[in-house]
Amino acid sequence: MTGVEDSVPPLRLVDVTKRYGDGPTAVTALSHVDFAVEAGEVVAVVGPSGSGKSTMLNVMGLLDEPTTGRVELRGEPTAGLSPAQGTDARRESLGFVFQDFHLLPTLTALENVRLPTAFLPGDATDRARDLLERVGLGDRLDHTPDELSGGQKQRVAIARALINEPAILLADEPTGNLDRDTGTRILEEVRGISEGGVAVVAVTHDDLVTDYADRTVELVDGVIQRD
């Protein structure tokens, strides 16, 4: 996805509705959602449990398709992408930071960060090392996840999400497993990443995240109530 002017939002949802099931038992998880995030912006998505935050994150991450409406990635609609094309789009444009880290326990920090490039040409070892140094883990390259604290695991997860130089970073409860001091350090890293031009969307219940966000979007029953 190239050739799009920089002024186009890296990620946009246009009138997105997501329903599960059919008929009277159908559940509407998102209803007519319009949303965009700009390059260099940090957006927090908040709302009570069951409000549609996770569904919105999955739709933004091309892990789930909207029932109606469209998703635009770097200005181009994603409808009709084949599974292989969707995988390519995620690899080229999106980075994911999961609440439970999803690090492979038998791999070192360096190997975990390098993993998304395993089937790509070239050797990403130097970039993986640079990213770990950037998040303060230059002395933990050869440590496995069970040798790292929660905050250090989250930093490895952030470095892994950045290995392919994504335009958009999607984070699911980035401070959910961390104490406040560690969460603050992680959010300072996220802020630094956004200042490098990456658009960041964080789904969260944590007021600390909203303090660091440029904008807060509130979802209630699948509807944006505040932006």
C-alpha atoms as a PDB file:
ATOM      1  CA  MET A   1       0.000   0.000   0.000  1.00  0.00           C
ATOM      2  CA  THR A   2       2.013   2.900  -1.316  1.00  0.00           C
ATOM      3  CA  GLY A   3       1.592   6.164  -3.137  1.00  0.00           C
ATOM      4  CA  VAL A   4      -0.807   7.663  -0.581  1.00  0.00           C
ATOM      5  CA  GLU A   5      -0.223  11.202   0.589  1.00  0.00           C
ATOM      6  CA  ASP A   6       1.078  11.681   4.105  1.00  0.00           C
ATOM      7  CA  SER A   7      -2.064  13.685   4.984  1.00  0.00           C
ATOM      8  CA  VAL A   8      -4.211  10.547   4.733  1.00  0.00           C
ATOM      9  CA  PRO A   9      -4.749   8.952   8.160  1.00  0.00           C
ATOM     10  CA  PRO A  10      -2.774   5.710   8.463  1.00  0.00           C
ATOM     11  CA  LEU A  11      -5.888   3.980   9.836  1.00  0.00           C
ATOM     12  CA  ARG A  12      -9.558   4.839   9.430  1.00  0.00           C
ATOM     13  CA  LEU A  13     -12.889   3.167  10.168  1.00  0.00           C
ATOM     14  CA  VAL A  14     -15.816   4.444   8.119  1.00  0.00           C
ATOM     15  CA  ASP A  15     -19.356   3.730   9.389  1.00  0.00           C
ATOM     16  CA  VAL A  16     -18.242   0.347  10.735  1.00  0.00           C
ATOM     17  CA  THR A  17     -20.826  -2.020  12.206  1.00  0.00           C
ATOM     18  CA  LYS A  18     -19.929  -5.482  13.465  1.00  0.00           C
ATOM     19  CA  ARG A  19     -22.609  -8.038  14.287  1.00  0.00           C
ATOM     20  CA  TYR A  20     -22.218 -11.614  15.441  1.00  0.00           C
ATOM     21  CA  GLY A  21     -24.944 -14.074  14.519  1.00  0.00           C
ATOM     22  CA  ASP A  22     -28.172 -13.585  12.599  1.00  0.00           C
ATOM     23  CA  GLY A  23     -31.783 -12.786  13.288  1.00  0.00           C
ATOM     24  CA  PRO A  24     -33.174 -11.842  16.703  1.00  0.00           C
ATOM     25  CA  THR A  25     -30.226 -13.425  18.539  1.00  0.00           C
ATOM     26  CA  ALA A  26     -27.628 -11.335  16.682  1.00  0.00           C
ATOM     27  CA  VAL A  27     -25.279  -9.286  18.860  1.00  0.00           C
ATOM     28  CA  THR A  28     -24.108  -5.876  17.665  1.00  0.00           C
ATOM     29  CA  ALA A  29     -20.589  -5.301  18.972  1.00  0.00           C
ATOM     30  CA  LEU A  30     -19.938  -2.081  17.008  1.00  0.00           C
ATOM     31  CA  SER A  31     -22.524   0.281  15.582  1.00  0.00           C
ATOM     32  CA  HIS A  32     -21.749   2.874  12.880  1.00  0.00           C
ATOM     33  CA  VAL A  33     -18.277   3.671  14.188  1.00  0.00           C
ATOM     34  CA  ASP A  34     -16.318   6.441  12.489  1.00  0.00           C
ATOM     35  CA  PHE A  35     -12.740   6.696  13.694  1.00  0.00           C
ATOM     36  CA  ALA A  36      -9.324   7.772  12.444  1.00  0.00           C
ATOM     37  CA  VAL A  37      -5.860   8.063  13.966  1.00  0.00           C
ATOM     38  CA  GLU A  38      -3.196  10.348  12.589  1.00  0.00           C
ATOM     39  CA  ALA A  39       0.516   9.679  12.234  1.00  0.00           C
ATOM     40  CA  GLY A  40       2.275  10.599  15.472  1.00  0.00           C
ATOM     41  CA  GLU A  41      -0.941  10.512  17.504  1.00  0.00           C
ATOM     42  CA  VAL A  42      -1.701   8.413  20.590  1.00  0.00           C
ATOM     43  CA  VAL A  43      -5.382   7.532  20.999  1.00  0.00           C
ATOM     44  CA  ALA A  44      -6.793   5.735  24.043  1.00  0.00           C
ATOM     45  CA  VAL A  45      -9.991   3.727  23.545  1.00  0.00           C
ATOM     46  CA  VAL A  46     -11.902   3.317  26.799  1.00  0.00           C
ATOM     47  CA  GLY A  47     -15.233   1.931  27.916  1.00  0.00           C
ATOM     48  CA  PRO A  48     -16.789  -0.659  30.223  1.00  0.00           C
ATOM     49  CA  SER A  49     -16.302  -4.383  29.703  1.00  0.00           C
ATOM     50  CA  GLY A  50     -18.405  -5.556  26.788  1.00  0.00           C
ATOM     51  CA  SER A  51     -18.474  -2.125  25.164  1.00  0.00           C
ATOM     52  CA  GLY A  52     -16.828  -3.318  21.948  1.00  0.00           C
ATOM     53  CA  LYS A  53     -13.221  -2.239  22.568  1.00  0.00           C
ATOM     54  CA  SER A  54     -11.683  -5.612  21.738  1.00  0.00           C
ATOM     55  CA  THR A  55     -13.873  -5.963  18.659  1.00  0.00           C
ATOM     56  CA  MET A  56     -12.787  -2.514  17.499  1.00  0.00           C
ATOM     57  CA  LEU A  57      -9.136  -3.462  18.018  1.00  0.00           C
ATOM     58  CA  ASN A  58      -9.600  -6.695  16.048  1.00  0.00           C
ATOM     59  CA  VAL A  59     -11.307  -4.844  13.188  1.00  0.00           C
ATOM     60  CA  MET A  60      -8.548  -2.214  13.129  1.00  0.00           C
ATOM     61  CA  GLY A  61      -5.945  -4.973  13.125  1.00  0.00           C
ATOM     62  CA  LEU A  62      -7.602  -6.801  10.198  1.00  0.00           C
ATOM     63  CA  LEU A  63      -8.177  -9.792  12.455  1.00  0.00           C
ATOM     64  CA  ASP A  64     -11.951  -9.471  11.998  1.00  0.00           C
ATOM     65  CA  GLU A  65     -14.011  -8.024   9.157  1.00  0.00           C
ATOM     66  CA  PRO A  66     -16.794  -5.487   9.678  1.00  0.00           C
ATOM     67  CA  THR A  67     -20.322  -6.555   8.818  1.00  0.00           C
ATOM     68  CA  THR A  68     -20.866  -3.200   7.109  1.00  0.00           C
ATOM     69  CA  GLY A  69     -18.706  -0.127   6.602  1.00  0.00           C
ATOM     70  CA  ARG A  70     -15.057  -0.165   5.679  1.00  0.00           C
ATOM     71  CA  VAL A  71     -11.534  -0.123   7.067  1.00  0.00           C
ATOM     72  CA  GLU A  72      -8.919   1.990   5.309  1.00  0.00           C
ATOM     73  CA  LEU A  73      -5.238   1.285   5.820  1.00  0.00           C
ATOM     74  CA  ARG A  74      -2.958   4.054   4.566  1.00  0.00           C
ATOM     75  CA  GLY A  75      -5.875   5.380   2.547  1.00  0.00           C
ATOM     76  CA  GLU A  76      -6.784   2.121   0.839  1.00  0.00           C
ATOM     77  CA  PRO A  77      -9.835  -0.011   1.680  1.00  0.00           C
ATOM     78  CA  THR A  78      -9.041  -3.459   3.006  1.00  0.00           C
ATOM     79  CA  ALA A  79     -12.285  -5.165   1.926  1.00  0.00           C
ATOM     80  CA  GLY A  80     -11.701  -8.055  -0.419  1.00  0.00           C
ATOM     81  CA  LEU A  81      -8.151  -8.808   0.651  1.00  0.00           C
ATOM     82  CA  SER A  82      -7.329 -12.489   0.485  1.00  0.00           C
ATOM     83  CA  PRO A  83      -5.976 -14.134   3.667  1.00  0.00           C
ATOM     84  CA  ALA A  84      -2.455 -13.875   2.247  1.00  0.00           C
ATOM     85  CA  GLN A  85      -2.950 -10.207   1.334  1.00  0.00           C
ATOM     86  CA  GLY A  86      -4.344  -9.519   4.810  1.00  0.00           C
ATOM     87  CA  THR A  87      -1.287 -11.110   6.362  1.00  0.00           C
ATOM     88  CA  ASP A  88       0.966  -8.990   4.161  1.00  0.00           C
ATOM     89  CA  ALA A  89      -0.964  -5.824   5.078  1.00  0.00           C
ATOM     90  CA  ARG A  90      -0.635  -6.559   8.792  1.00  0.00           C
ATOM     91  CA  ARG A  91       3.072  -7.289   8.457  1.00  0.00           C
ATOM     92  CA  GLU A  92       3.736  -4.153   6.412  1.00  0.00           C
ATOM     93  CA  SER A  93       1.602  -1.634   8.307  1.00  0.00           C
ATOM     94  CA  LEU A  94       0.591  -2.897  11.757  1.00  0.00           C
ATOM     95  CA  GLY A  95       2.355  -3.740  14.992  1.00  0.00           C
ATOM     96  CA  PHE A  96       0.565  -5.495  17.854  1.00  0.00           C
ATOM     97  CA  VAL A  97       1.287  -5.339  21.596  1.00  0.00           C
ATOM     98  CA  PHE A  98      -0.754  -7.923  23.480  1.00  0.00           C
ATOM     99  CA  GLN A  99      -1.804  -7.713  27.116  1.00  0.00           C
ATOM    100  CA  ASP A 100      -0.206 -11.074  27.936  1.00  0.00           C
ATOM    101  CA  PHE A 101       2.934 -10.348  25.863  1.00  0.00           C
ATOM    102  CA  HIS A 102       2.756 -13.605  23.814  1.00  0.00           C
ATOM    103  CA  LEU A 103       6.514 -14.108  23.963  1.00  0.00           C
ATOM    104  CA  LEU A 104       7.855 -17.564  23.136  1.00  0.00           C
ATOM    105  CA  PRO A 105       9.350 -18.943  26.359  1.00  0.00           C
ATOM    106  CA  THR A 106      12.222 -20.832  24.750  1.00  0.00           C
ATOM    107  CA  LEU A 107      13.503 -17.845  22.773  1.00  0.00           C
ATOM    108  CA  THR A 108      15.710 -15.027  24.032  1.00  0.00           C
ATOM    109  CA  ALA A 109      14.551 -11.418  24.005  1.00  0.00           C
ATOM    110  CA  LEU A 110      16.556 -10.846  20.819  1.00  0.00           C
ATOM    111  CA  GLU A 111      15.081 -13.920  19.138  1.00  0.00           C
ATOM    112  CA  ASN A 112      11.533 -12.958  20.151  1.00  0.00           C
ATOM    113  CA  VAL A 113      11.930  -9.499  18.642  1.00  0.00           C
ATOM    114  CA  ARG A 114      13.435 -10.898  15.455  1.00  0.00           C
ATOM    115  CA  LEU A 115      10.760 -13.596  15.064  1.00  0.00           C
ATOM    116  CA  PRO A 116       8.278 -11.669  12.821  1.00  0.00           C
ATOM    117  CA  THR A 117      11.047 -11.342  10.212  1.00  0.00           C
ATOM    118  CA  ALA A 118      11.838 -15.072  10.138  1.00  0.00           C
ATOM    119  CA  PHE A 119      10.409 -15.597   6.652  1.00  0.00           C
ATOM    120  CA  LEU A 120      11.546 -12.294   5.195  1.00  0.00           C
ATOM    121  CA  PRO A 121      14.767 -11.703   3.266  1.00  0.00           C
ATOM    122  CA  GLY A 122      17.731 -10.269   5.116  1.00  0.00           C
ATOM    123  CA  ASP A 123      18.941 -10.474   8.685  1.00  0.00           C
ATOM    124  CA  ALA A 124      17.054  -8.303  11.191  1.00  0.00           C
ATOM    125  CA  THR A 125      19.395  -9.014  14.100  1.00  0.00           C
ATOM    126  CA  ASP A 126      20.922  -5.532  14.139  1.00  0.00           C
ATOM    127  CA  ARG A 127      17.515  -3.826  14.028  1.00  0.00           C
ATOM    128  CA  ALA A 128      16.193  -6.105  16.792  1.00  0.00           C
ATOM    129  CA  ARG A 129      19.235  -5.268  18.924  1.00  0.00           C
ATOM    130  CA  ASP A 130      18.778  -1.544  18.274  1.00  0.00           C
ATOM    131  CA  LEU A 131      15.100  -1.697  19.258  1.00  0.00           C
ATOM    132  CA  LEU A 132      15.874  -3.523  22.496  1.00  0.00           C
ATOM    133  CA  GLU A 133      18.529  -0.964  23.305  1.00  0.00           C
ATOM    134  CA  ARG A 134      16.001   1.787  22.565  1.00  0.00           C
ATOM    135  CA  VAL A 135      13.598   0.388  25.164  1.00  0.00           C
ATOM    136  CA  GLY A 136      16.365  -0.020  27.722  1.00  0.00           C
ATOM    137  CA  LEU A 137      17.024  -3.745  27.350  1.00  0.00           C
ATOM    138  CA  GLY A 138      20.428  -3.730  25.712  1.00  0.00           C
ATOM    139  CA  ASP A 139      21.738  -5.799  28.615  1.00  0.00           C
ATOM    140  CA  ARG A 140      18.928  -8.386  28.374  1.00  0.00           C
ATOM    141  CA  LEU A 141      19.350  -9.567  24.795  1.00  0.00           C
ATOM    142  CA  ASP A 142      20.096 -13.165  25.721  1.00  0.00           C
ATOM    143  CA  HIS A 143      17.542 -13.477  28.517  1.00  0.00           C
ATOM    144  CA  THR A 144      14.467 -15.683  28.068  1.00  0.00           C
ATOM    145  CA  PRO A 145      11.024 -14.427  29.208  1.00  0.00           C
ATOM    146  CA  ASP A 146      11.175 -16.270  32.539  1.00  0.00           C
ATOM    147  CA  GLU A 147      14.313 -14.251  33.339  1.00  0.00           C
ATOM    148  CA  LEU A 148      12.532 -10.932  32.748  1.00  0.00           C
ATOM    149  CA  SER A 149      10.144  -8.844  34.854  1.00  0.00           C
ATOM    150  CA  GLY A 150       6.661  -7.934  33.650  1.00  0.00           C
ATOM    151  CA  GLY A 151       7.799  -4.516  32.535  1.00  0.00           C
ATOM    152  CA  GLN A 152      10.780  -5.964  30.688  1.00  0.00           C
ATOM    153  CA  LYS A 153       8.530  -8.468  28.894  1.00  0.00           C
ATOM    154  CA  GLN A 154       6.269  -5.633  27.818  1.00  0.00           C
ATOM    155  CA  ARG A 155       9.277  -3.758  26.454  1.00  0.00           C
ATOM    156  CA  VAL A 156      10.313  -6.827  24.475  1.00  0.00           C
ATOM    157  CA  ALA A 157       6.754  -7.018  23.129  1.00  0.00           C
ATOM    158  CA  ILE A 158       6.900  -3.361  22.059  1.00  0.00           C
ATOM    159  CA  ALA A 159      10.256  -3.872  20.346  1.00  0.00           C
ATOM    160  CA  ARG A 160       8.868  -6.929  18.537  1.00  0.00           C
ATOM    161  CA  ALA A 161       5.839  -4.905  17.393  1.00  0.00           C
ATOM    162  CA  LEU A 162       8.192  -2.316  15.853  1.00  0.00           C
ATOM    163  CA  ILE A 163      10.556  -4.691  14.066  1.00  0.00           C
ATOM    164  CA  ASN A 164       8.802  -4.266  10.703  1.00  0.00           C
ATOM    165  CA  GLU A 165       8.579  -0.467  11.051  1.00  0.00           C
ATOM    166  CA  PRO A 166       4.766  -0.315  11.179  1.00  0.00           C
ATOM    167  CA  ALA A 167       2.761   2.827  10.511  1.00  0.00           C
ATOM    168  CA  ILE A 168       0.288   1.881  13.264  1.00  0.00           C
ATOM    169  CA  LEU A 169       0.866   0.343  16.698  1.00  0.00           C
ATOM    170  CA  LEU A 170      -2.171  -1.368  18.275  1.00  0.00           C
ATOM    171  CA  ALA A 171      -1.916  -2.092  21.996  1.00  0.00           C
ATOM    172  CA  ASP A 172      -4.307  -4.152  24.127  1.00  0.00           C
ATOM    173  CA  GLU A 173      -4.150  -3.004  27.768  1.00  0.00           C
ATOM    174  CA  PRO A 174      -0.449  -2.038  27.506  1.00  0.00           C
ATOM    175  CA  THR A 175      -0.194  -1.383  31.253  1.00  0.00           C
ATOM    176  CA  GLY A 176      -2.663  -4.040  32.408  1.00  0.00           C
ATOM    177  CA  ASN A 177      -0.078  -6.342  34.022  1.00  0.00           C
ATOM    178  CA  LEU A 178       2.234  -3.642  35.327  1.00  0.00           C
ATOM    179  CA  ASP A 179       2.635  -1.583  38.479  1.00  0.00           C
ATOM    180  CA  ARG A 180       2.200   2.172  38.108  1.00  0.00           C
ATOM    181  CA  ASP A 181       5.893   3.065  37.970  1.00  0.00           C
ATOM    182  CA  THR A 182       6.601   0.423  35.318  1.00  0.00           C
ATOM    183  CA  GLY A 183       3.464   1.423  33.419  1.00  0.00           C
ATOM    184  CA  THR A 184       4.654   5.023  33.380  1.00  0.00           C
ATOM    185  CA  ARG A 185       7.999   3.993  31.902  1.00  0.00           C
ATOM    186  CA  ILE A 186       6.243   1.900  29.239  1.00  0.00           C
ATOM    187  CA  LEU A 187       3.985   4.803  28.305  1.00  0.00           C
ATOM    188  CA  GLU A 188       6.983   7.097  28.030  1.00  0.00           C
ATOM    189  CA  GLU A 189       8.394   4.614  25.514  1.00  0.00           C
ATOM    190  CA  VAL A 190       5.064   4.615  23.644  1.00  0.00           C
ATOM    191  CA  ARG A 191       5.079   8.416  23.579  1.00  0.00           C
ATOM    192  CA  GLY A 192       8.589   8.381  22.130  1.00  0.00           C
ATOM    193  CA  ILE A 193       7.473   5.909  19.462  1.00  0.00           C
ATOM    194  CA  SER A 194       4.562   8.136  18.453  1.00  0.00           C
ATOM    195  CA  GLU A 195       6.868  11.133  18.187  1.00  0.00           C
ATOM    196  CA  GLY A 196       8.722   9.154  15.546  1.00  0.00           C
ATOM    197  CA  GLY A 197       5.576   9.270  13.395  1.00  0.00           C
ATOM    198  CA  VAL A 198       3.871   6.035  14.412  1.00  0.00           C
ATOM    199  CA  ALA A 199       0.111   6.180  15.031  1.00  0.00           C
ATOM    200  CA  VAL A 200      -0.749   4.465  18.328  1.00  0.00           C
ATOM    201  CA  VAL A 201      -4.143   3.120  19.417  1.00  0.00           C
ATOM    202  CA  ALA A 202      -4.355   1.666  22.940  1.00  0.00           C
ATOM    203  CA  VAL A 203      -7.416  -0.128  24.292  1.00  0.00           C
ATOM    204  CA  THR A 204      -7.379   0.343  28.051  1.00  0.00           C
ATOM    205  CA  HIS A 205      -9.138   0.534  31.405  1.00  0.00           C
ATOM    206  CA  ASP A 206      -6.191   2.434  32.897  1.00  0.00           C
ATOM    207  CA  ASP A 207      -6.478   6.183  33.532  1.00  0.00           C
ATOM    208  CA  LEU A 208      -2.689   6.353  33.297  1.00  0.00           C
ATOM    209  CA  VAL A 209      -2.915   5.556  29.583  1.00  0.00           C
ATOM    210  CA  THR A 210      -5.455   8.319  28.973  1.00  0.00           C
ATOM    211  CA  ASP A 211      -3.121  10.765  30.715  1.00  0.00           C
ATOM    212  CA  TYR A 212      -0.491  10.042  28.052  1.00  0.00           C
ATOM    213  CA  ALA A 213      -2.921   9.999  25.113  1.00  0.00           C
ATOM    214  CA  ASP A 214      -3.512  12.912  22.770  1.00  0.00           C
ATOM    215  CA  ARG A 215      -7.128  11.887  22.492  1.00  0.00           C
ATOM    216  CA  THR A 216      -9.558   9.588  24.290  1.00  0.00           C
ATOM    217  CA  VAL A 217     -12.400   7.752  22.547  1.00  0.00           C
ATOM    218  CA  GLU A 218     -15.139   6.283  24.727  1.00  0.00           C
ATOM    219  CA  LEU A 219     -17.148   3.296  23.526  1.00  0.00           C
ATOM    220  CA  VAL A 220     -20.452   2.335  25.158  1.00  0.00           C
ATOM    221  CA  ASP A 221     -22.490  -0.567  23.770  1.00  0.00           C
ATOM    222  CA  GLY A 222     -20.525  -0.431  20.538  1.00  0.00           C
ATOM    223  CA  VAL A 223     -21.184   3.269  19.945  1.00  0.00           C
ATOM    224  CA  ILE A 224     -18.645   6.083  20.224  1.00  0.00           C
ATOM    225  CA  GLN A 225     -20.003   8.358  22.935  1.00  0.00           C
ATOM    226  CA  ARG A 226     -17.043  10.703  23.240  1.00  0.00           C
ATOM    227  CA  ASP A 227     -14.090  11.564  21.012  1.00  0.00           C
END
